[in-house]
Amino acid sequence: MRETKTITTPVGKHKVVIYTYLLGGEKRAFISVDPVEAQKIAIETLIVSIDGSDKDIMGVMDQMHGKDYDFIFNEIAKVIDDSSYSDKKKE
């Protein structure tokens, strides 16, 4: 089972579970897509659940406060930018 991390958004206090690293095939999915599509793929790939539900992740994200959306995406970007979560765990 892949390692996850729970984060809490600053405004809505949503509990968001994300994977802490990408699999090889997931990394390939980002290579040849435009930035908007890459962001959607990242959200759908790395978010396990929001407030305990894995249903309609994009729809839930679209309805969040902008600061919460940015917070979650910044955490996802850390995973994409070579797993700073995994590096911290090793230290």
PDB file of N, CA and C in Angstrom:
ATOM      1  N   MET A   1       0.840  -1.185   0.000  1.00  0.00           N
ATOM      2  CA  MET A   1       0.000   0.000   0.000  1.00  0.00           C
ATOM      3  C   MET A   1       0.887   1.252   0.000  1.00  0.00           C
ATOM      4  N   ARG A   2       0.531   2.221  -0.800  1.00  0.00           N
ATOM      5  CA  ARG A   2       1.312   3.442  -0.950  1.00  0.00           C
ATOM      6  C   ARG A   2       1.112   4.363   0.250  1.00  0.00           C
ATOM      7  N   GLU A   3       2.211   4.996   0.660  1.00  0.00           N
ATOM      8  CA  GLU A   3       2.182   5.909   1.799  1.00  0.00           C
ATOM      9  C   GLU A   3       1.328   7.146   1.487  1.00  0.00           C
ATOM     10  N   THR A   4       0.578   7.598   2.495  1.00  0.00           N
ATOM     11  CA  THR A   4      -0.242   8.796   2.363  1.00  0.00           C
ATOM     12  C   THR A   4       0.078   9.771   3.489  1.00  0.00           C
ATOM     13  N   LYS A   5      -0.392  10.982   3.313  1.00  0.00           N
ATOM     14  CA  LYS A   5      -0.246  12.024   4.327  1.00  0.00           C
ATOM     15  C   LYS A   5      -1.568  12.776   4.381  1.00  0.00           C
ATOM     16  N   THR A   6      -2.002  13.147   5.583  1.00  0.00           N
ATOM     17  CA  THR A   6      -3.214  13.947   5.734  1.00  0.00           C
ATOM     18  C   THR A   6      -2.827  15.395   5.977  1.00  0.00           C
ATOM     19  N   ILE A   7      -3.419  16.276   5.182  1.00  0.00           N
ATOM     20  CA  ILE A   7      -3.214  17.716   5.349  1.00  0.00           C
ATOM     21  C   ILE A   7      -4.562  18.353   5.668  1.00  0.00           C
ATOM     22  N   THR A   8      -4.541  19.507   6.292  1.00  0.00           N
ATOM     23  CA  THR A   8      -5.765  20.233   6.629  1.00  0.00           C
ATOM     24  C   THR A   8      -5.697  21.606   5.984  1.00  0.00           C
ATOM     25  N   THR A   9      -6.732  21.941   5.222  1.00  0.00           N
ATOM     26  CA  THR A   9      -6.737  23.224   4.524  1.00  0.00           C
ATOM     27  C   THR A   9      -6.910  24.373   5.516  1.00  0.00           C
ATOM     28  N   PRO A  10      -6.346  25.544   5.195  1.00  0.00           N
ATOM     29  CA  PRO A  10      -6.347  26.647   6.146  1.00  0.00           C
ATOM     30  C   PRO A  10      -7.698  27.330   6.363  1.00  0.00           C
ATOM     31  N   VAL A  11      -8.546  27.385   5.360  1.00  0.00           N
ATOM     32  CA  VAL A  11      -9.807  28.119   5.489  1.00  0.00           C
ATOM     33  C   VAL A  11     -10.959  27.191   5.876  1.00  0.00           C
ATOM     34  N   GLY A  12     -11.225  26.188   5.048  1.00  0.00           N
ATOM     35  CA  GLY A  12     -12.360  25.298   5.277  1.00  0.00           C
ATOM     36  C   GLY A  12     -12.075  24.156   6.226  1.00  0.00           C
ATOM     37  N   LYS A  13     -10.815  24.000   6.614  1.00  0.00           N
ATOM     38  CA  LYS A  13     -10.388  22.923   7.515  1.00  0.00           C
ATOM     39  C   LYS A  13     -10.747  21.541   6.970  1.00  0.00           C
ATOM     40  N   HIS A  14     -10.671  21.396   5.645  1.00  0.00           N
ATOM     41  CA  HIS A  14     -10.923  20.102   5.009  1.00  0.00           C
ATOM     42  C   HIS A  14      -9.751  19.173   5.285  1.00  0.00           C
ATOM     43  N   LYS A  15     -10.051  17.923   5.586  1.00  0.00           N
ATOM     44  CA  LYS A  15      -9.026  16.893   5.761  1.00  0.00           C
ATOM     45  C   LYS A  15      -8.812  16.236   4.401  1.00  0.00           C
ATOM     46  N   VAL A  16      -7.597  16.382   3.885  1.00  0.00           N
ATOM     47  CA  VAL A  16      -7.279  15.881   2.554  1.00  0.00           C
ATOM     48  C   VAL A  16      -6.153  14.868   2.676  1.00  0.00           C
ATOM     49  N   VAL A  17      -6.396  13.672   2.170  1.00  0.00           N
ATOM     50  CA  VAL A  17      -5.388  12.621   2.176  1.00  0.00           C
ATOM     51  C   VAL A  17      -4.765  12.582   0.789  1.00  0.00           C
ATOM     52  N   ILE A  18      -3.424  12.702   0.762  1.00  0.00           N
ATOM     53  CA  ILE A  18      -2.702  12.675  -0.517  1.00  0.00           C
ATOM     54  C   ILE A  18      -1.613  11.601  -0.461  1.00  0.00           C
ATOM     55  N   TYR A  19      -1.279  11.085  -1.642  1.00  0.00           N
ATOM     56  CA  TYR A  19      -0.136  10.188  -1.739  1.00  0.00           C
ATOM     57  C   TYR A  19       1.136  11.008  -1.584  1.00  0.00           C
ATOM     58  N   THR A  20       2.199  10.395  -1.077  1.00  0.00           N
ATOM     59  CA  THR A  20       3.445  11.119  -0.835  1.00  0.00           C
ATOM     60  C   THR A  20       4.468  10.951  -1.962  1.00  0.00           C
ATOM     61  N   TYR A  21       4.136  10.166  -2.978  1.00  0.00           N
ATOM     62  CA  TYR A  21       5.028  10.030  -4.131  1.00  0.00           C
ATOM     63  C   TYR A  21       4.238   9.558  -5.336  1.00  0.00           C
ATOM     64  N   LEU A  22       4.804   9.797  -6.509  1.00  0.00           N
ATOM     65  CA  LEU A  22       4.217   9.338  -7.766  1.00  0.00           C
ATOM     66  C   LEU A  22       4.807   7.998  -8.165  1.00  0.00           C
ATOM     67  N   LEU A  23       4.015   7.194  -8.829  1.00  0.00           N
ATOM     68  CA  LEU A  23       4.512   5.971  -9.455  1.00  0.00           C
ATOM     69  C   LEU A  23       5.072   6.341 -10.833  1.00  0.00           C
ATOM     70  N   GLY A  24       5.886   5.479 -11.387  1.00  0.00           N
ATOM     71  CA  GLY A  24       6.508   5.760 -12.679  1.00  0.00           C
ATOM     72  C   GLY A  24       5.508   6.077 -13.776  1.00  0.00           C
ATOM     73  N   GLY A  25       4.488   5.282 -13.891  1.00  0.00           N
ATOM     74  CA  GLY A  25       3.472   5.516 -14.920  1.00  0.00           C
ATOM     75  C   GLY A  25       2.731   6.825 -14.715  1.00  0.00           C
ATOM     76  N   GLU A  26       2.552   7.219 -13.468  1.00  0.00           N
ATOM     77  CA  GLU A  26       1.898   8.494 -13.174  1.00  0.00           C
ATOM     78  C   GLU A  26       2.778   9.664 -13.612  1.00  0.00           C
ATOM     79  N   LYS A  27       4.087   9.539 -13.414  1.00  0.00           N
ATOM     80  CA  LYS A  27       4.997  10.592 -13.858  1.00  0.00           C
ATOM     81  C   LYS A  27       4.905  10.770 -15.376  1.00  0.00           C
ATOM     82  N   ARG A  28       4.836   9.666 -16.101  1.00  0.00           N
ATOM     83  CA  ARG A  28       4.738   9.731 -17.564  1.00  0.00           C
ATOM     84  C   ARG A  28       3.489  10.469 -18.013  1.00  0.00           C
ATOM     85  N   ALA A  29       2.415  10.389 -17.243  1.00  0.00           N
ATOM     86  CA  ALA A  29       1.155  11.024 -17.621  1.00  0.00           C
ATOM     87  C   ALA A  29       1.280  12.541 -17.732  1.00  0.00           C
ATOM     88  N   PHE A  30       2.258  13.136 -17.066  1.00  0.00           N
ATOM     89  CA  PHE A  30       2.432  14.586 -17.080  1.00  0.00           C
ATOM     90  C   PHE A  30       3.258  15.090 -18.255  1.00  0.00           C
ATOM     91  N   ILE A  31       3.989  14.217 -18.916  1.00  0.00           N
ATOM     92  CA  ILE A  31       4.994  14.631 -19.888  1.00  0.00           C
ATOM     93  C   ILE A  31       4.431  15.417 -21.068  1.00  0.00           C
ATOM     94  N   SER A  32       3.384  14.938 -21.681  1.00  0.00           N
ATOM     95  CA  SER A  32       2.954  15.553 -22.943  1.00  0.00           C
ATOM     96  C   SER A  32       1.571  16.197 -22.873  1.00  0.00           C
ATOM     97  N   VAL A  33       1.213  16.753 -21.726  1.00  0.00           N
ATOM     98  CA  VAL A  33      -0.089  17.418 -21.630  1.00  0.00           C
ATOM     99  C   VAL A  33       0.106  18.893 -21.297  1.00  0.00           C
ATOM    100  N   ASP A  34      -0.907  19.688 -21.634  1.00  0.00           N
ATOM    101  CA  ASP A  34      -0.830  21.119 -21.335  1.00  0.00           C
ATOM    102  C   ASP A  34      -0.969  21.343 -19.825  1.00  0.00           C
ATOM    103  N   PRO A  35      -0.578  22.503 -19.327  1.00  0.00           N
ATOM    104  CA  PRO A  35      -0.572  22.749 -17.879  1.00  0.00           C
ATOM    105  C   PRO A  35      -1.924  22.573 -17.185  1.00  0.00           C
ATOM    106  N   VAL A  36      -3.005  22.969 -17.839  1.00  0.00           N
ATOM    107  CA  VAL A  36      -4.336  22.822 -17.219  1.00  0.00           C
ATOM    108  C   VAL A  36      -4.668  21.342 -17.054  1.00  0.00           C
ATOM    109  N   GLU A  37      -4.411  20.563 -18.091  1.00  0.00           N
ATOM    110  CA  GLU A  37      -4.669  19.118 -18.017  1.00  0.00           C
ATOM    111  C   GLU A  37      -3.745  18.467 -16.998  1.00  0.00           C
ATOM    112  N   ALA A  38      -2.494  18.911 -16.925  1.00  0.00           N
ATOM    113  CA  ALA A  38      -1.541  18.357 -15.957  1.00  0.00           C
ATOM    114  C   ALA A  38      -2.016  18.604 -14.530  1.00  0.00           C
ATOM    115  N   GLN A  39      -2.571  19.793 -14.282  1.00  0.00           N
ATOM    116  CA  GLN A  39      -3.082  20.098 -12.943  1.00  0.00           C
ATOM    117  C   GLN A  39      -4.247  19.167 -12.589  1.00  0.00           C
ATOM    118  N   LYS A  40      -5.129  18.950 -13.535  1.00  0.00           N
ATOM    119  CA  LYS A  40      -6.270  18.048 -13.314  1.00  0.00           C
ATOM    120  C   LYS A  40      -5.777  16.619 -13.044  1.00  0.00           C
ATOM    121  N   ILE A  41      -4.836  16.159 -13.836  1.00  0.00           N
ATOM    122  CA  ILE A  41      -4.285  14.811 -13.653  1.00  0.00           C
ATOM    123  C   ILE A  41      -3.635  14.697 -12.276  1.00  0.00           C
ATOM    124  N   ALA A  42      -2.899  15.728 -11.873  1.00  0.00           N
ATOM    125  CA  ALA A  42      -2.232  15.703 -10.570  1.00  0.00           C
ATOM    126  C   ALA A  42      -3.240  15.582  -9.440  1.00  0.00           C
ATOM    127  N   ILE A  43      -4.285  16.368  -9.511  1.00  0.00           N
ATOM    128  CA  ILE A  43      -5.324  16.338  -8.470  1.00  0.00           C
ATOM    129  C   ILE A  43      -5.977  14.962  -8.420  1.00  0.00           C
ATOM    130  N   GLU A  44      -6.374  14.457  -9.571  1.00  0.00           N
ATOM    131  CA  GLU A  44      -7.066  13.168  -9.609  1.00  0.00           C
ATOM    132  C   GLU A  44      -6.156  11.996  -9.250  1.00  0.00           C
ATOM    133  N   THR A  45      -4.855  12.142  -9.490  1.00  0.00           N
ATOM    134  CA  THR A  45      -3.907  11.064  -9.226  1.00  0.00           C
ATOM    135  C   THR A  45      -3.448  11.033  -7.776  1.00  0.00           C
ATOM    136  N   LEU A  46      -3.194  12.189  -7.203  1.00  0.00           N
ATOM    137  CA  LEU A  46      -2.542  12.234  -5.898  1.00  0.00           C
ATOM    138  C   LEU A  46      -3.476  12.412  -4.706  1.00  0.00           C
ATOM    139  N   ILE A  47      -4.696  12.887  -4.933  1.00  0.00           N
ATOM    140  CA  ILE A  47      -5.624  13.028  -3.806  1.00  0.00           C
ATOM    141  C   ILE A  47      -6.380  11.722  -3.622  1.00  0.00           C
ATOM    142  N   VAL A  48      -6.265  11.171  -2.434  1.00  0.00           N
ATOM    143  CA  VAL A  48      -6.947   9.923  -2.095  1.00  0.00           C
ATOM    144  C   VAL A  48      -8.381  10.216  -1.667  1.00  0.00           C
ATOM    145  N   SER A  49      -8.550  11.232  -0.810  1.00  0.00           N
ATOM    146  CA  SER A  49      -9.888  11.574  -0.331  1.00  0.00           C
ATOM    147  C   SER A  49      -9.908  12.994   0.220  1.00  0.00           C
ATOM    148  N   ILE A  50     -11.099  13.559   0.251  1.00  0.00           N
ATOM    149  CA  ILE A  50     -11.340  14.859   0.881  1.00  0.00           C
ATOM    150  C   ILE A  50     -12.472  14.665   1.870  1.00  0.00           C
ATOM    151  N   ASP A  51     -12.194  14.980   3.118  1.00  0.00           N
ATOM    152  CA  ASP A  51     -13.176  14.799   4.200  1.00  0.00           C
ATOM    153  C   ASP A  51     -13.756  13.390   4.216  1.00  0.00           C
ATOM    154  N   GLY A  52     -12.897  12.414   3.968  1.00  0.00           N
ATOM    155  CA  GLY A  52     -13.280  11.009   4.052  1.00  0.00           C
ATOM    156  C   GLY A  52     -13.945  10.428   2.817  1.00  0.00           C
ATOM    157  N   SER A  53     -14.122  11.223   1.771  1.00  0.00           N
ATOM    158  CA  SER A  53     -14.784  10.734   0.562  1.00  0.00           C
ATOM    159  C   SER A  53     -13.829  10.772  -0.629  1.00  0.00           C
ATOM    160  N   ASP A  54     -13.913   9.726  -1.458  1.00  0.00           N
ATOM    161  CA  ASP A  54     -13.112   9.704  -2.681  1.00  0.00           C
ATOM    162  C   ASP A  54     -13.975   9.979  -3.914  1.00  0.00           C
ATOM    163  N   LYS A  55     -15.172  10.468  -3.703  1.00  0.00           N
ATOM    164  CA  LYS A  55     -16.112  10.747  -4.797  1.00  0.00           C
ATOM    165  C   LYS A  55     -15.927  12.168  -5.323  1.00  0.00           C
ATOM    166  N   ASP A  56     -15.937  12.332  -6.637  1.00  0.00           N
ATOM    167  CA  ASP A  56     -15.933  13.622  -7.326  1.00  0.00           C
ATOM    168  C   ASP A  56     -14.886  14.591  -6.774  1.00  0.00           C
ATOM    169  N   ILE A  57     -13.648  14.135  -6.713  1.00  0.00           N
ATOM    170  CA  ILE A  57     -12.552  14.944  -6.164  1.00  0.00           C
ATOM    171  C   ILE A  57     -12.458  16.293  -6.884  1.00  0.00           C
ATOM    172  N   MET A  58     -12.497  16.294  -8.218  1.00  0.00           N
ATOM    173  CA  MET A  58     -12.401  17.555  -8.967  1.00  0.00           C
ATOM    174  C   MET A  58     -13.572  18.472  -8.641  1.00  0.00           C
ATOM    175  N   GLY A  59     -14.758  17.935  -8.565  1.00  0.00           N
ATOM    176  CA  GLY A  59     -15.938  18.742  -8.246  1.00  0.00           C
ATOM    177  C   GLY A  59     -15.838  19.376  -6.869  1.00  0.00           C
ATOM    178  N   VAL A  60     -15.349  18.615  -5.906  1.00  0.00           N
ATOM    179  CA  VAL A  60     -15.168  19.141  -4.549  1.00  0.00           C
ATOM    180  C   VAL A  60     -14.106  20.237  -4.563  1.00  0.00           C
ATOM    181  N   MET A  61     -13.004  19.996  -5.242  1.00  0.00           N
ATOM    182  CA  MET A  61     -11.943  20.997  -5.328  1.00  0.00           C
ATOM    183  C   MET A  61     -12.451  22.285  -5.981  1.00  0.00           C
ATOM    184  N   ASP A  62     -13.273  22.141  -7.021  1.00  0.00           N
ATOM    185  CA  ASP A  62     -13.800  23.310  -7.731  1.00  0.00           C
ATOM    186  C   ASP A  62     -14.700  24.168  -6.844  1.00  0.00           C
ATOM    187  N   GLN A  63     -15.279  23.577  -5.818  1.00  0.00           N
ATOM    188  CA  GLN A  63     -16.190  24.309  -4.933  1.00  0.00           C
ATOM    189  C   GLN A  63     -15.500  24.848  -3.674  1.00  0.00           C
ATOM    190  N   MET A  64     -14.220  24.593  -3.534  1.00  0.00           N
ATOM    191  CA  MET A  64     -13.485  25.051  -2.347  1.00  0.00           C
ATOM    192  C   MET A  64     -13.101  26.517  -2.456  1.00  0.00           C
ATOM    193  N   HIS A  65     -12.841  27.104  -1.313  1.00  0.00           N
ATOM    194  CA  HIS A  65     -12.261  28.448  -1.247  1.00  0.00           C
ATOM    195  C   HIS A  65     -10.945  28.425  -2.022  1.00  0.00           C
ATOM    196  N   GLY A  66     -10.651  29.487  -2.726  1.00  0.00           N
ATOM    197  CA  GLY A  66      -9.441  29.547  -3.538  1.00  0.00           C
ATOM    198  C   GLY A  66      -8.167  29.307  -2.749  1.00  0.00           C
ATOM    199  N   LYS A  67      -8.123  29.793  -1.510  1.00  0.00           N
ATOM    200  CA  LYS A  67      -6.923  29.589  -0.685  1.00  0.00           C
ATOM    201  C   LYS A  67      -6.745  28.112  -0.332  1.00  0.00           C
ATOM    202  N   ASP A  68      -7.859  27.410  -0.104  1.00  0.00           N
ATOM    203  CA  ASP A  68      -7.773  25.974   0.176  1.00  0.00           C
ATOM    204  C   ASP A  68      -7.301  25.216  -1.063  1.00  0.00           C
ATOM    205  N   TYR A  69      -7.848  25.588  -2.226  1.00  0.00           N
ATOM    206  CA  TYR A  69      -7.443  24.961  -3.478  1.00  0.00           C
ATOM    207  C   TYR A  69      -5.941  25.146  -3.689  1.00  0.00           C
ATOM    208  N   ASP A  70      -5.469  26.382  -3.519  1.00  0.00           N
ATOM    209  CA  ASP A  70      -4.043  26.663  -3.707  1.00  0.00           C
ATOM    210  C   ASP A  70      -3.185  25.889  -2.705  1.00  0.00           C
ATOM    211  N   PHE A  71      -3.640  25.811  -1.463  1.00  0.00           N
ATOM    212  CA  PHE A  71      -2.906  25.085  -0.431  1.00  0.00           C
ATOM    213  C   PHE A  71      -2.742  23.620  -0.826  1.00  0.00           C
ATOM    214  N   ILE A  72      -3.839  22.995  -1.239  1.00  0.00           N
ATOM    215  CA  ILE A  72      -3.789  21.587  -1.639  1.00  0.00           C
ATOM    216  C   ILE A  72      -2.873  21.418  -2.846  1.00  0.00           C
ATOM    217  N   PHE A  73      -3.029  22.291  -3.842  1.00  0.00           N
ATOM    218  CA  PHE A  73      -2.207  22.125  -5.030  1.00  0.00           C
ATOM    219  C   PHE A  73      -0.733  22.351  -4.724  1.00  0.00           C
ATOM    220  N   ASN A  74      -0.414  23.255  -3.826  1.00  0.00           N
ATOM    221  CA  ASN A  74       0.983  23.459  -3.431  1.00  0.00           C
ATOM    222  C   ASN A  74       1.557  22.207  -2.767  1.00  0.00           C
ATOM    223  N   GLU A  75       0.752  21.525  -1.968  1.00  0.00           N
ATOM    224  CA  GLU A  75       1.204  20.277  -1.352  1.00  0.00           C
ATOM    225  C   GLU A  75       1.413  19.199  -2.418  1.00  0.00           C
ATOM    226  N   ILE A  76       0.509  19.144  -3.386  1.00  0.00           N
ATOM    227  CA  ILE A  76       0.645  18.189  -4.486  1.00  0.00           C
ATOM    228  C   ILE A  76       1.896  18.508  -5.306  1.00  0.00           C
ATOM    229  N   ALA A  77       2.152  19.793  -5.526  1.00  0.00           N
ATOM    230  CA  ALA A  77       3.330  20.201  -6.299  1.00  0.00           C
ATOM    231  C   ALA A  77       4.617  19.729  -5.630  1.00  0.00           C
ATOM    232  N   LYS A  78       4.641  19.699  -4.305  1.00  0.00           N
ATOM    233  CA  LYS A  78       5.814  19.191  -3.587  1.00  0.00           C
ATOM    234  C   LYS A  78       6.049  17.718  -3.921  1.00  0.00           C
ATOM    235  N   VAL A  79       4.969  16.971  -4.034  1.00  0.00           N
ATOM    236  CA  VAL A  79       5.087  15.554  -4.386  1.00  0.00           C
ATOM    237  C   VAL A  79       5.608  15.423  -5.816  1.00  0.00           C
ATOM    238  N   ILE A  80       5.058  16.206  -6.716  1.00  0.00           N
ATOM    239  CA  ILE A  80       5.478  16.149  -8.114  1.00  0.00           C
ATOM    240  C   ILE A  80       6.935  16.584  -8.256  1.00  0.00           C
ATOM    241  N   ASP A  81       7.334  17.605  -7.498  1.00  0.00           N
ATOM    242  CA  ASP A  81       8.714  18.104  -7.546  1.00  0.00           C
ATOM    243  C   ASP A  81       9.641  17.214  -6.757  1.00  0.00           C
ATOM    244  N   ASP A  82       9.528  16.036  -6.947  1.00  0.00           N
ATOM    245  CA  ASP A  82      10.331  14.945  -6.454  1.00  0.00           C
ATOM    246  C   ASP A  82      10.250  14.671  -4.979  1.00  0.00           C
ATOM    247  N   SER A  83       9.066  14.515  -4.573  1.00  0.00           N
ATOM    248  CA  SER A  83       8.755  13.869  -3.300  1.00  0.00           C
ATOM    249  C   SER A  83       9.513  14.412  -2.111  1.00  0.00           C
ATOM    250  N   SER A  84       9.346  15.694  -1.819  1.00  0.00           N
ATOM    251  CA  SER A  84       9.953  16.245  -0.622  1.00  0.00           C
ATOM    252  C   SER A  84       9.429  15.536   0.627  1.00  0.00           C
ATOM    253  N   TYR A  85       8.225  14.973   0.540  1.00  0.00           N
ATOM    254  CA  TYR A  85       7.691  14.220   1.687  1.00  0.00           C
ATOM    255  C   TYR A  85       8.556  12.986   1.966  1.00  0.00           C
ATOM    256  N   SER A  86       8.903  12.271   0.911  1.00  0.00           N
ATOM    257  CA  SER A  86       9.725  11.054   1.094  1.00  0.00           C
ATOM    258  C   SER A  86      11.103  11.417   1.612  1.00  0.00           C
ATOM    259  N   ASP A  87      11.656  12.512   1.107  1.00  0.00           N
ATOM    260  CA  ASP A  87      12.984  12.942   1.570  1.00  0.00           C
ATOM    261  C   ASP A  87      12.965  13.295   3.055  1.00  0.00           C
ATOM    262  N   LYS A  88      11.921  13.978   3.502  1.00  0.00           N
ATOM    263  CA  LYS A  88      11.827  14.352   4.916  1.00  0.00           C
ATOM    264  C   LYS A  88      11.714  13.128   5.799  1.00  0.00           C
ATOM    265  N   LYS A  89      11.027  12.116   5.326  1.00  0.00           N
ATOM    266  CA  LYS A  89      10.844  10.902   6.101  1.00  0.00           C
ATOM    267  C   LYS A  89      12.187  10.200   6.338  1.00  0.00           C
ATOM    268  N   LYS A  90      13.098  10.279   5.355  1.00  0.00           N
ATOM    269  CA  LYS A  90      14.398   9.605   5.466  1.00  0.00           C
ATOM    270  C   LYS A  90      15.352  10.307   6.416  1.00  0.00           C
ATOM    271  N   GLU A  91      15.139  11.619   6.635  1.00  0.00           N
ATOM    272  CA  GLU A  91      16.049  12.396   7.484  1.00  0.00           C
ATOM    273  C   GLU A  91      15.932  12.038   8.944  1.00  0.00           C
TER     274      GLU A  91
END
